[in-house]
Amino acid sequence: DFIATGIQSFRDCDATALAAVACLLVLFVWYCYHVGREQPRAYATVNALMQSAEANGVQNGYVYCHSPECVRCTHHDGLNQKLYHNLQEYAKRYSWSGMGRIHKGIREQGRYLNSRPSIQKPEVFFLPDLPTMPYFSRDAQKHDVELLERNFQTILCEFETLYKAFSNCSLPQGWKMNSTPSGEWFTFYLVNQGMCVPRNCRRCPRTYRLLGSLRTCIGNNVFGNACISVLSPGTVIAEHYGPTNIRIRCHPGLKTPSNCELVVGGEPQCWAEGRCLLFDDSFLHTAFHEGEP
C-alpha cells in the first residue's frame, strides 16, 4: 500500500514541475563535476597580479629577493599553478562550496585586488568571503594556541641558544636581515613558503617537532611560514601588506620589552611573553621596538 500510494502521488505531480526538478539535479551534478575537474585559468597568474610593483624592485618597503622559488618576488607561472593546486587540495578536504570559492577567487582575482580598500590589500592572492578583521580571538585556533603556550619554555630555550651566536658576528649563519627604514630586523626561518629549511630545523629540533603537532600550520603551500623574528631597539618596520588573506599569523611572544607594538589595520596591540597574538597580515601593518634591548 505504501509503494502504491507513492507511485500514485508521483503520477499526480505536475509534469512541468518534475521536469524542472530533474533539470536542477542534472545542473547540480554537472557543477560538482566541473568544479572538481576544472584547472586554474592561465590568465590568473602571479605575474599579472604583481605588475604594479615599482620599477626599482622595491614593494611595500621590501627589496625583491629574486629567488626562483619566491612567490612574492618571482614572476613564474609554474609557481602560480602550484599555488592554485595546493589551494584546491585544501578546499577539497572541507566542502564543495570551498572549491567553488577557490575558483571564484581565481577567475576574478584582478577585480578583487583592484577593488580592495587600502586597509586590506594582499599582494598576491585574495580569497573572497572569508572573515575580515585585523586581529583574531585566541579561540579561533584554541588547540594550537594552547599547545604553543604550554611549550613556551622549550621555544625560548632554543631561541636563546641561537641568539648567542650574535655575540660572535653581526649576522650568524641561518639568520636573514630584512630591509627596514631604521634599526635591524632579523629572521630565522624553519619553514619558508611551505619548504622546510633543514639546516635551521636541525638547530631547533624541539620547536620544529612542535610545528608538526599543530593542527592548522600550513604545510605544502607557498604561503606557509614559521620563523623566529627579532627586532633590535629603534627598529621600525615599514607599513606593508602580506601576500594573502587565506592564513592567520600567530606570534607567540618570546622576549617582549615595553614600548614594542604591532599595528594591524590601524589597531595597535602589544606582545606578551608566553602568549599568542593572532592577526591577518593582509591588512596594512607595521611593528616597532622603542624599548630596552
C-alpha atoms as a PDB file:
ATOM      1  CA  ASP A   1       0.000   0.000   0.000  1.00  0.00           C
ATOM      2  CA  PHE A   2       2.815   2.397   0.836  1.00  0.00           C
ATOM      3  CA  ILE A   3       4.531   1.831  -2.536  1.00  0.00           C
ATOM      4  CA  ALA A   4       1.253   2.112  -4.431  1.00  0.00           C
ATOM      5  CA  THR A   5       0.476   5.381  -2.676  1.00  0.00           C
ATOM      6  CA  GLY A   6       3.905   6.732  -3.581  1.00  0.00           C
ATOM      7  CA  ILE A   7       3.524   5.772  -7.236  1.00  0.00           C
ATOM      8  CA  GLN A   8       0.091   7.411  -7.393  1.00  0.00           C
ATOM      9  CA  SER A   9       1.468  10.579  -5.769  1.00  0.00           C
ATOM     10  CA  PHE A  10       4.254  10.675  -8.336  1.00  0.00           C
ATOM     11  CA  ARG A  11       1.717  10.304 -11.171  1.00  0.00           C
ATOM     12  CA  ASP A  12      -0.390  13.099  -9.762  1.00  0.00           C
ATOM     13  CA  CYS A  13       2.537  15.570  -9.784  1.00  0.00           C
ATOM     14  CA  ASP A  14       2.657  18.227 -12.446  1.00  0.00           C
ATOM     15  CA  ALA A  15       4.932  17.136 -15.316  1.00  0.00           C
ATOM     16  CA  THR A  16       6.426  20.631 -15.669  1.00  0.00           C
ATOM     17  CA  ALA A  17       7.453  20.725 -12.020  1.00  0.00           C
ATOM     18  CA  LEU A  18       9.061  17.283 -12.287  1.00  0.00           C
ATOM     19  CA  ALA A  19      10.971  18.337 -15.390  1.00  0.00           C
ATOM     20  CA  ALA A  20      12.245  21.458 -13.613  1.00  0.00           C
ATOM     21  CA  VAL A  21      13.439  19.419 -10.610  1.00  0.00           C
ATOM     22  CA  ALA A  22      15.162  16.942 -12.903  1.00  0.00           C
ATOM     23  CA  CYS A  23      16.936  19.764 -14.756  1.00  0.00           C
ATOM     24  CA  LEU A  24      18.129  21.276 -11.471  1.00  0.00           C
ATOM     25  CA  LEU A  25      19.532  17.937 -10.327  1.00  0.00           C
ATOM     26  CA  VAL A  26      21.374  17.483 -13.622  1.00  0.00           C
ATOM     27  CA  LEU A  27      22.809  21.008 -13.397  1.00  0.00           C
ATOM     28  CA  PHE A  28      23.945  20.426  -9.806  1.00  0.00           C
ATOM     29  CA  VAL A  29      25.730  17.184 -10.714  1.00  0.00           C
ATOM     30  CA  TRP A  30      27.379  18.904 -13.683  1.00  0.00           C
ATOM     31  CA  TYR A  31      28.519  21.799 -11.494  1.00  0.00           C
ATOM     32  CA  CYS A  32      30.081  19.470  -8.916  1.00  0.00           C
ATOM     33  CA  TYR A  33      31.926  17.599 -11.654  1.00  0.00           C
ATOM     34  CA  HIS A  34      33.040  20.823 -13.346  1.00  0.00           C
ATOM     35  CA  VAL A  35      34.375  22.372 -10.133  1.00  0.00           C
ATOM     36  CA  GLY A  36      36.240  19.214  -9.224  1.00  0.00           C
ATOM     37  CA  ARG A  37      37.858  18.846 -12.641  1.00  0.00           C
ATOM     38  CA  GLU A  38      38.489  22.464 -13.592  1.00  0.00           C
ATOM     39  CA  GLN A  39      42.112  23.536 -13.898  1.00  0.00           C
ATOM     40  CA  PRO A  40      43.375  27.010 -12.961  1.00  0.00           C
ATOM     41  CA  ARG A  41      42.879  29.659 -15.618  1.00  0.00           C
ATOM     42  CA  ALA A  42      46.039  30.688 -17.433  1.00  0.00           C
ATOM     43  CA  TYR A  43      45.294  34.388 -17.111  1.00  0.00           C
ATOM     44  CA  ALA A  44      45.221  34.383 -13.308  1.00  0.00           C
ATOM     45  CA  THR A  45      48.984  34.484 -12.866  1.00  0.00           C
ATOM     46  CA  VAL A  46      51.228  35.799 -10.149  1.00  0.00           C
ATOM     47  CA  ASN A  47      52.947  37.814 -12.855  1.00  0.00           C
ATOM     48  CA  ALA A  48      49.712  39.576 -13.771  1.00  0.00           C
ATOM     49  CA  LEU A  49      48.835  40.212 -10.150  1.00  0.00           C
ATOM     50  CA  MET A  50      52.165  41.868  -9.392  1.00  0.00           C
ATOM     51  CA  GLN A  51      52.696  44.095 -12.465  1.00  0.00           C
ATOM     52  CA  SER A  52      52.026  47.185 -10.372  1.00  0.00           C
ATOM     53  CA  ALA A  53      55.311  46.767  -8.470  1.00  0.00           C
ATOM     54  CA  GLU A  54      57.717  49.681  -8.653  1.00  0.00           C
ATOM     55  CA  ALA A  55      60.355  49.516 -11.366  1.00  0.00           C
ATOM     56  CA  ASN A  56      63.228  49.719  -8.893  1.00  0.00           C
ATOM     57  CA  GLY A  57      62.340  46.363  -7.361  1.00  0.00           C
ATOM     58  CA  VAL A  58      61.034  47.691  -4.076  1.00  0.00           C
ATOM     59  CA  GLN A  59      57.474  46.943  -2.951  1.00  0.00           C
ATOM     60  CA  ASN A  60      55.885  47.806   0.392  1.00  0.00           C
ATOM     61  CA  GLY A  61      59.286  48.515   1.936  1.00  0.00           C
ATOM     62  CA  TYR A  62      60.886  45.247   0.787  1.00  0.00           C
ATOM     63  CA  VAL A  63      63.571  44.634  -1.789  1.00  0.00           C
ATOM     64  CA  TYR A  64      62.792  41.751  -4.136  1.00  0.00           C
ATOM     65  CA  CYS A  65      64.939  38.754  -3.260  1.00  0.00           C
ATOM     66  CA  HIS A  66      64.903  37.372  -6.859  1.00  0.00           C
ATOM     67  CA  SER A  67      64.792  33.807  -5.565  1.00  0.00           C
ATOM     68  CA  PRO A  68      63.361  31.445  -8.233  1.00  0.00           C
ATOM     69  CA  GLU A  69      61.191  29.897  -5.513  1.00  0.00           C
ATOM     70  CA  CYS A  70      59.708  33.095  -4.040  1.00  0.00           C
ATOM     71  CA  VAL A  71      56.044  33.576  -4.878  1.00  0.00           C
ATOM     72  CA  ARG A  72      56.167  37.276  -3.918  1.00  0.00           C
ATOM     73  CA  CYS A  73      59.283  38.192  -5.866  1.00  0.00           C
ATOM     74  CA  THR A  74      59.320  35.960  -8.948  1.00  0.00           C
ATOM     75  CA  HIS A  75      57.063  36.175 -11.975  1.00  0.00           C
ATOM     76  CA  HIS A  76      56.749  32.471 -12.747  1.00  0.00           C
ATOM     77  CA  ASP A  77      53.617  30.728 -13.989  1.00  0.00           C
ATOM     78  CA  GLY A  78      54.812  27.364 -12.667  1.00  0.00           C
ATOM     79  CA  LEU A  79      54.624  28.702  -9.119  1.00  0.00           C
ATOM     80  CA  ASN A  80      51.162  30.028  -9.898  1.00  0.00           C
ATOM     81  CA  GLN A  81      49.960  26.574 -10.966  1.00  0.00           C
ATOM     82  CA  LYS A  82      51.440  25.003  -7.828  1.00  0.00           C
ATOM     83  CA  LEU A  83      49.787  27.631  -5.634  1.00  0.00           C
ATOM     84  CA  TYR A  84      46.310  27.046  -7.008  1.00  0.00           C
ATOM     85  CA  HIS A  85      46.714  23.269  -6.974  1.00  0.00           C
ATOM     86  CA  ASN A  86      47.568  23.431  -3.271  1.00  0.00           C
ATOM     87  CA  LEU A  87      44.593  25.689  -2.571  1.00  0.00           C
ATOM     88  CA  GLN A  88      42.312  23.219  -4.321  1.00  0.00           C
ATOM     89  CA  GLU A  89      43.676  20.367  -2.218  1.00  0.00           C
ATOM     90  CA  TYR A  90      42.886  22.310   0.959  1.00  0.00           C
ATOM     91  CA  ALA A  91      39.365  23.138  -0.226  1.00  0.00           C
ATOM     92  CA  LYS A  92      38.580  19.523  -1.160  1.00  0.00           C
ATOM     93  CA  ARG A  93      39.143  18.498   2.438  1.00  0.00           C
ATOM     94  CA  TYR A  94      36.212  20.566   3.611  1.00  0.00           C
ATOM     95  CA  SER A  95      33.397  21.121   1.097  1.00  0.00           C
ATOM     96  CA  TRP A  96      32.340  21.647  -2.495  1.00  0.00           C
ATOM     97  CA  SER A  97      31.486  25.232  -1.555  1.00  0.00           C
ATOM     98  CA  GLY A  98      35.119  25.680  -0.586  1.00  0.00           C
ATOM     99  CA  MET A  99      36.156  24.542  -4.059  1.00  0.00           C
ATOM    100  CA  GLY A 100      33.682  26.967  -5.621  1.00  0.00           C
ATOM    101  CA  ARG A 101      35.138  29.812  -3.586  1.00  0.00           C
ATOM    102  CA  ILE A 102      38.674  28.943  -4.714  1.00  0.00           C
ATOM    103  CA  HIS A 103      37.669  29.035  -8.379  1.00  0.00           C
ATOM    104  CA  LYS A 104      35.675  32.219  -7.874  1.00  0.00           C
ATOM    105  CA  GLY A 105      38.761  33.848  -6.400  1.00  0.00           C
ATOM    106  CA  ILE A 106      40.962  32.638  -9.267  1.00  0.00           C
ATOM    107  CA  ARG A 107      38.597  33.782 -12.011  1.00  0.00           C
ATOM    108  CA  GLU A 108      38.059  37.276 -10.592  1.00  0.00           C
ATOM    109  CA  GLN A 109      41.379  37.868  -8.844  1.00  0.00           C
ATOM    110  CA  GLY A 110      42.272  41.030 -10.758  1.00  0.00           C
ATOM    111  CA  ARG A 111      38.955  42.661  -9.870  1.00  0.00           C
ATOM    112  CA  TYR A 112      39.264  41.706  -6.192  1.00  0.00           C
ATOM    113  CA  LEU A 113      42.773  43.107  -5.792  1.00  0.00           C
ATOM    114  CA  ASN A 114      41.981  46.329  -7.657  1.00  0.00           C
ATOM    115  CA  SER A 115      38.769  46.987  -5.734  1.00  0.00           C
ATOM    116  CA  ARG A 116      40.049  46.220  -2.240  1.00  0.00           C
ATOM    117  CA  PRO A 117      40.128  49.141   0.240  1.00  0.00           C
ATOM    118  CA  SER A 118      43.613  50.356   1.096  1.00  0.00           C
ATOM    119  CA  ILE A 119      43.333  48.952   4.618  1.00  0.00           C
ATOM    120  CA  GLN A 120      43.455  45.344   3.295  1.00  0.00           C
ATOM    121  CA  LYS A 121      45.231  44.673   0.002  1.00  0.00           C
ATOM    122  CA  PRO A 122      47.143  41.373  -0.114  1.00  0.00           C
ATOM    123  CA  GLU A 123      49.967  41.445  -2.653  1.00  0.00           C
ATOM    124  CA  VAL A 124      49.373  38.101  -4.361  1.00  0.00           C
ATOM    125  CA  PHE A 125      46.027  36.409  -3.705  1.00  0.00           C
ATOM    126  CA  PHE A 126      42.716  37.458  -2.143  1.00  0.00           C
ATOM    127  CA  LEU A 127      40.118  34.796  -1.325  1.00  0.00           C
ATOM    128  CA  PRO A 128      36.568  36.198  -1.111  1.00  0.00           C
ATOM    129  CA  ASP A 129      34.003  35.508   1.608  1.00  0.00           C
ATOM    130  CA  LEU A 130      36.440  34.990   4.496  1.00  0.00           C
ATOM    131  CA  PRO A 131      36.175  36.789   7.870  1.00  0.00           C
ATOM    132  CA  THR A 132      37.628  40.295   7.546  1.00  0.00           C
ATOM    133  CA  MET A 133      39.237  41.551  10.748  1.00  0.00           C
ATOM    134  CA  PRO A 134      42.777  42.669  11.700  1.00  0.00           C
ATOM    135  CA  TYR A 135      43.035  40.520  14.848  1.00  0.00           C
ATOM    136  CA  PHE A 136      41.509  37.148  15.708  1.00  0.00           C
ATOM    137  CA  SER A 137      40.394  35.741  19.021  1.00  0.00           C
ATOM    138  CA  ARG A 138      42.626  33.138  20.621  1.00  0.00           C
ATOM    139  CA  ASP A 139      39.654  30.765  20.473  1.00  0.00           C
ATOM    140  CA  ALA A 140      39.855  30.857  16.668  1.00  0.00           C
ATOM    141  CA  GLN A 141      42.825  28.456  16.940  1.00  0.00           C
ATOM    142  CA  LYS A 142      42.416  27.258  20.511  1.00  0.00           C
ATOM    143  CA  HIS A 143      44.213  23.904  20.207  1.00  0.00           C
ATOM    144  CA  ASP A 144      47.320  25.331  18.552  1.00  0.00           C
ATOM    145  CA  VAL A 145      47.450  28.416  20.769  1.00  0.00           C
ATOM    146  CA  GLU A 146      47.346  26.291  23.919  1.00  0.00           C
ATOM    147  CA  LEU A 147      49.963  23.899  22.538  1.00  0.00           C
ATOM    148  CA  LEU A 148      52.380  26.725  21.740  1.00  0.00           C
ATOM    149  CA  GLU A 149      51.884  28.387  25.108  1.00  0.00           C
ATOM    150  CA  ARG A 150      52.413  25.122  27.011  1.00  0.00           C
ATOM    151  CA  ASN A 151      55.732  24.733  25.187  1.00  0.00           C
ATOM    152  CA  PHE A 152      56.813  28.355  25.607  1.00  0.00           C
ATOM    153  CA  GLN A 153      59.929  27.488  27.630  1.00  0.00           C
ATOM    154  CA  THR A 154      61.040  24.933  25.029  1.00  0.00           C
ATOM    155  CA  ILE A 155      60.887  27.501  22.220  1.00  0.00           C
ATOM    156  CA  LEU A 156      62.514  30.181  24.386  1.00  0.00           C
ATOM    157  CA  CYS A 157      65.475  27.959  25.318  1.00  0.00           C
ATOM    158  CA  GLU A 158      66.212  27.109  21.685  1.00  0.00           C
ATOM    159  CA  PHE A 159      65.890  30.780  20.714  1.00  0.00           C
ATOM    160  CA  GLU A 160      68.346  31.875  23.419  1.00  0.00           C
ATOM    161  CA  THR A 161      70.868  29.298  22.216  1.00  0.00           C
ATOM    162  CA  LEU A 162      70.534  30.597  18.651  1.00  0.00           C
ATOM    163  CA  TYR A 163      70.751  34.231  19.664  1.00  0.00           C
ATOM    164  CA  LYS A 164      74.062  33.768  21.496  1.00  0.00           C
ATOM    165  CA  ALA A 165      75.721  33.495  18.077  1.00  0.00           C
ATOM    166  CA  PHE A 166      75.175  37.250  17.585  1.00  0.00           C
ATOM    167  CA  SER A 167      77.923  37.887  20.144  1.00  0.00           C
ATOM    168  CA  ASN A 168      80.471  36.458  17.685  1.00  0.00           C
ATOM    169  CA  CYS A 169      79.320  38.056  14.426  1.00  0.00           C
ATOM    170  CA  SER A 170      76.813  40.564  13.092  1.00  0.00           C
ATOM    171  CA  LEU A 171      74.765  38.049  11.078  1.00  0.00           C
ATOM    172  CA  PRO A 172      75.167  34.406  12.176  1.00  0.00           C
ATOM    173  CA  GLN A 173      74.534  31.544   9.771  1.00  0.00           C
ATOM    174  CA  GLY A 174      70.864  30.867   9.132  1.00  0.00           C
ATOM    175  CA  TRP A 175      69.682  34.371  10.021  1.00  0.00           C
ATOM    176  CA  LYS A 176      68.467  36.910   7.452  1.00  0.00           C
ATOM    177  CA  MET A 177      68.406  40.685   7.728  1.00  0.00           C
ATOM    178  CA  ASN A 178      65.294  42.398   6.365  1.00  0.00           C
ATOM    179  CA  SER A 179      65.009  45.873   4.891  1.00  0.00           C
ATOM    180  CA  THR A 180      63.754  48.481   7.402  1.00  0.00           C
ATOM    181  CA  PRO A 181      63.706  52.322   7.472  1.00  0.00           C
ATOM    182  CA  SER A 182      65.560  52.238  10.802  1.00  0.00           C
ATOM    183  CA  GLY A 183      67.047  49.673  13.152  1.00  0.00           C
ATOM    184  CA  GLU A 184      67.568  45.968  12.462  1.00  0.00           C
ATOM    185  CA  TRP A 185      65.075  43.166  11.848  1.00  0.00           C
ATOM    186  CA  PHE A 186      66.386  39.591  11.778  1.00  0.00           C
ATOM    187  CA  THR A 187      64.529  36.372  10.912  1.00  0.00           C
ATOM    188  CA  PHE A 188      65.480  32.717  11.334  1.00  0.00           C
ATOM    189  CA  TYR A 189      63.225  30.528   9.144  1.00  0.00           C
ATOM    190  CA  LEU A 190      62.273  26.962   9.976  1.00  0.00           C
ATOM    191  CA  VAL A 191      59.647  26.843   7.220  1.00  0.00           C
ATOM    192  CA  ASN A 192      59.835  29.329   4.350  1.00  0.00           C
ATOM    193  CA  GLN A 193      56.998  29.420   1.785  1.00  0.00           C
ATOM    194  CA  GLY A 194      55.980  25.878   2.646  1.00  0.00           C
ATOM    195  CA  MET A 195      59.513  24.463   2.459  1.00  0.00           C
ATOM    196  CA  CYS A 196      61.457  23.218   5.472  1.00  0.00           C
ATOM    197  CA  VAL A 197      64.909  24.784   5.952  1.00  0.00           C
ATOM    198  CA  PRO A 198      66.794  21.629   7.072  1.00  0.00           C
ATOM    199  CA  ARG A 199      69.914  23.289   8.488  1.00  0.00           C
ATOM    200  CA  ASN A 200      67.853  25.660  10.645  1.00  0.00           C
ATOM    201  CA  CYS A 201      65.403  22.964  11.746  1.00  0.00           C
ATOM    202  CA  ARG A 202      68.279  20.783  12.971  1.00  0.00           C
ATOM    203  CA  ARG A 203      69.306  23.648  15.258  1.00  0.00           C
ATOM    204  CA  CYS A 204      65.772  23.894  16.719  1.00  0.00           C
ATOM    205  CA  PRO A 205      64.666  20.240  16.790  1.00  0.00           C
ATOM    206  CA  ARG A 206      62.065  20.519  19.558  1.00  0.00           C
ATOM    207  CA  THR A 207      60.487  23.633  18.095  1.00  0.00           C
ATOM    208  CA  TYR A 208      60.352  22.012  14.670  1.00  0.00           C
ATOM    209  CA  ARG A 209      58.690  18.894  16.095  1.00  0.00           C
ATOM    210  CA  LEU A 210      56.211  21.173  17.819  1.00  0.00           C
ATOM    211  CA  LEU A 211      55.218  22.660  14.453  1.00  0.00           C
ATOM    212  CA  GLY A 212      54.351  19.154  13.286  1.00  0.00           C
ATOM    213  CA  SER A 213      51.916  18.818  16.200  1.00  0.00           C
ATOM    214  CA  LEU A 214      49.921  21.902  15.225  1.00  0.00           C
ATOM    215  CA  ARG A 215      46.577  21.159  13.579  1.00  0.00           C
ATOM    216  CA  THR A 216      46.426  24.254  11.396  1.00  0.00           C
ATOM    217  CA  CYS A 217      50.024  25.062  10.457  1.00  0.00           C
ATOM    218  CA  ILE A 218      50.073  25.448   6.656  1.00  0.00           C
ATOM    219  CA  GLY A 219      52.333  22.885   5.026  1.00  0.00           C
ATOM    220  CA  ASN A 220      52.996  22.180   1.344  1.00  0.00           C
ATOM    221  CA  ASN A 221      51.840  25.684   0.480  1.00  0.00           C
ATOM    222  CA  VAL A 222      53.762  28.748  -0.668  1.00  0.00           C
ATOM    223  CA  PHE A 223      52.007  30.847   1.991  1.00  0.00           C
ATOM    224  CA  GLY A 224      53.227  28.691   4.891  1.00  0.00           C
ATOM    225  CA  ASN A 225      55.946  30.247   7.079  1.00  0.00           C
ATOM    226  CA  ALA A 226      57.395  29.633  10.522  1.00  0.00           C
ATOM    227  CA  CYS A 227      60.284  31.696  11.818  1.00  0.00           C
ATOM    228  CA  ILE A 228      61.852  33.432  14.780  1.00  0.00           C
ATOM    229  CA  SER A 229      61.695  37.208  14.370  1.00  0.00           C
ATOM    230  CA  VAL A 230      63.896  39.693  16.238  1.00  0.00           C
ATOM    231  CA  LEU A 231      63.696  43.489  16.315  1.00  0.00           C
ATOM    232  CA  SER A 232      66.556  45.499  17.797  1.00  0.00           C
ATOM    233  CA  PRO A 233      65.806  48.710  19.764  1.00  0.00           C
ATOM    234  CA  GLY A 234      64.932  51.625  17.491  1.00  0.00           C
ATOM    235  CA  THR A 235      63.618  49.391  14.709  1.00  0.00           C
ATOM    236  CA  VAL A 236      60.574  50.422  12.679  1.00  0.00           C
ATOM    237  CA  ILE A 237      59.145  48.058  10.059  1.00  0.00           C
ATOM    238  CA  ALA A 238      57.654  49.955   7.124  1.00  0.00           C
ATOM    239  CA  GLU A 239      53.900  49.625   6.654  1.00  0.00           C
ATOM    240  CA  HIS A 240      53.183  46.802   4.239  1.00  0.00           C
ATOM    241  CA  TYR A 241      50.703  44.082   3.276  1.00  0.00           C
ATOM    242  CA  GLY A 242      51.166  40.321   3.450  1.00  0.00           C
ATOM    243  CA  PRO A 243      50.706  38.180   0.325  1.00  0.00           C
ATOM    244  CA  THR A 244      47.265  36.723   1.110  1.00  0.00           C
ATOM    245  CA  ASN A 245      44.261  36.606   3.435  1.00  0.00           C
ATOM    246  CA  ILE A 246      43.989  32.796   3.482  1.00  0.00           C
ATOM    247  CA  ARG A 247      46.140  32.471   6.603  1.00  0.00           C
ATOM    248  CA  ILE A 248      46.182  33.752  10.171  1.00  0.00           C
ATOM    249  CA  ARG A 249      49.582  34.645  11.573  1.00  0.00           C
ATOM    250  CA  CYS A 250      50.357  33.628  15.131  1.00  0.00           C
ATOM    251  CA  HIS A 251      53.039  35.418  17.179  1.00  0.00           C
ATOM    252  CA  PRO A 252      53.971  33.744  20.472  1.00  0.00           C
ATOM    253  CA  GLY A 253      55.938  36.394  22.376  1.00  0.00           C
ATOM    254  CA  LEU A 254      59.378  35.170  23.496  1.00  0.00           C
ATOM    255  CA  LYS A 255      61.009  38.323  24.864  1.00  0.00           C
ATOM    256  CA  THR A 256      58.768  41.379  24.869  1.00  0.00           C
ATOM    257  CA  PRO A 257      60.070  44.577  26.499  1.00  0.00           C
ATOM    258  CA  SER A 258      57.714  47.512  26.962  1.00  0.00           C
ATOM    259  CA  ASN A 259      57.244  50.093  24.193  1.00  0.00           C
ATOM    260  CA  CYS A 260      57.012  47.443  21.471  1.00  0.00           C
ATOM    261  CA  GLU A 261      53.875  47.344  19.322  1.00  0.00           C
ATOM    262  CA  LEU A 262      52.297  45.651  16.346  1.00  0.00           C
ATOM    263  CA  VAL A 263      49.789  47.811  14.461  1.00  0.00           C
ATOM    264  CA  VAL A 264      47.385  45.991  12.106  1.00  0.00           C
ATOM    265  CA  GLY A 265      44.682  47.846  10.220  1.00  0.00           C
ATOM    266  CA  GLY A 266      45.351  50.891  12.395  1.00  0.00           C
ATOM    267  CA  GLU A 267      44.789  48.941  15.626  1.00  0.00           C
ATOM    268  CA  PRO A 268      47.804  48.666  17.988  1.00  0.00           C
ATOM    269  CA  GLN A 269      48.491  45.582  20.110  1.00  0.00           C
ATOM    270  CA  CYS A 270      51.377  44.637  22.376  1.00  0.00           C
ATOM    271  CA  TRP A 271      53.009  41.245  22.560  1.00  0.00           C
ATOM    272  CA  ALA A 272      53.137  39.400  25.890  1.00  0.00           C
ATOM    273  CA  GLU A 273      55.724  36.808  26.860  1.00  0.00           C
ATOM    274  CA  GLY A 274      54.365  33.295  26.614  1.00  0.00           C
ATOM    275  CA  ARG A 275      51.114  34.448  24.979  1.00  0.00           C
ATOM    276  CA  CYS A 276      49.968  34.158  21.355  1.00  0.00           C
ATOM    277  CA  LEU A 277      48.795  37.099  19.255  1.00  0.00           C
ATOM    278  CA  LEU A 278      46.747  36.213  16.140  1.00  0.00           C
ATOM    279  CA  PHE A 279      46.324  38.590  13.193  1.00  0.00           C
ATOM    280  CA  ASP A 280      45.673  38.817   9.461  1.00  0.00           C
ATOM    281  CA  ASP A 281      48.735  40.301   7.759  1.00  0.00           C
ATOM    282  CA  SER A 282      46.849  41.034   4.523  1.00  0.00           C
ATOM    283  CA  PHE A 283      45.836  44.213   6.389  1.00  0.00           C
ATOM    284  CA  LEU A 284      48.235  47.139   6.280  1.00  0.00           C
ATOM    285  CA  HIS A 285      50.537  46.572   9.237  1.00  0.00           C
ATOM    286  CA  THR A 286      53.727  47.752  10.870  1.00  0.00           C
ATOM    287  CA  ALA A 287      55.742  46.997  14.014  1.00  0.00           C
ATOM    288  CA  PHE A 288      58.268  48.922  16.078  1.00  0.00           C
ATOM    289  CA  HIS A 289      60.590  48.472  19.051  1.00  0.00           C
ATOM    290  CA  GLU A 290      61.146  51.612  21.122  1.00  0.00           C
ATOM    291  CA  GLY A 291      62.032  49.815  24.318  1.00  0.00           C
ATOM    292  CA  GLU A 292      65.164  48.496  26.019  1.00  0.00           C
ATOM    293  CA  PRO A 293      67.478  45.905  24.397  1.00  0.00           C
END
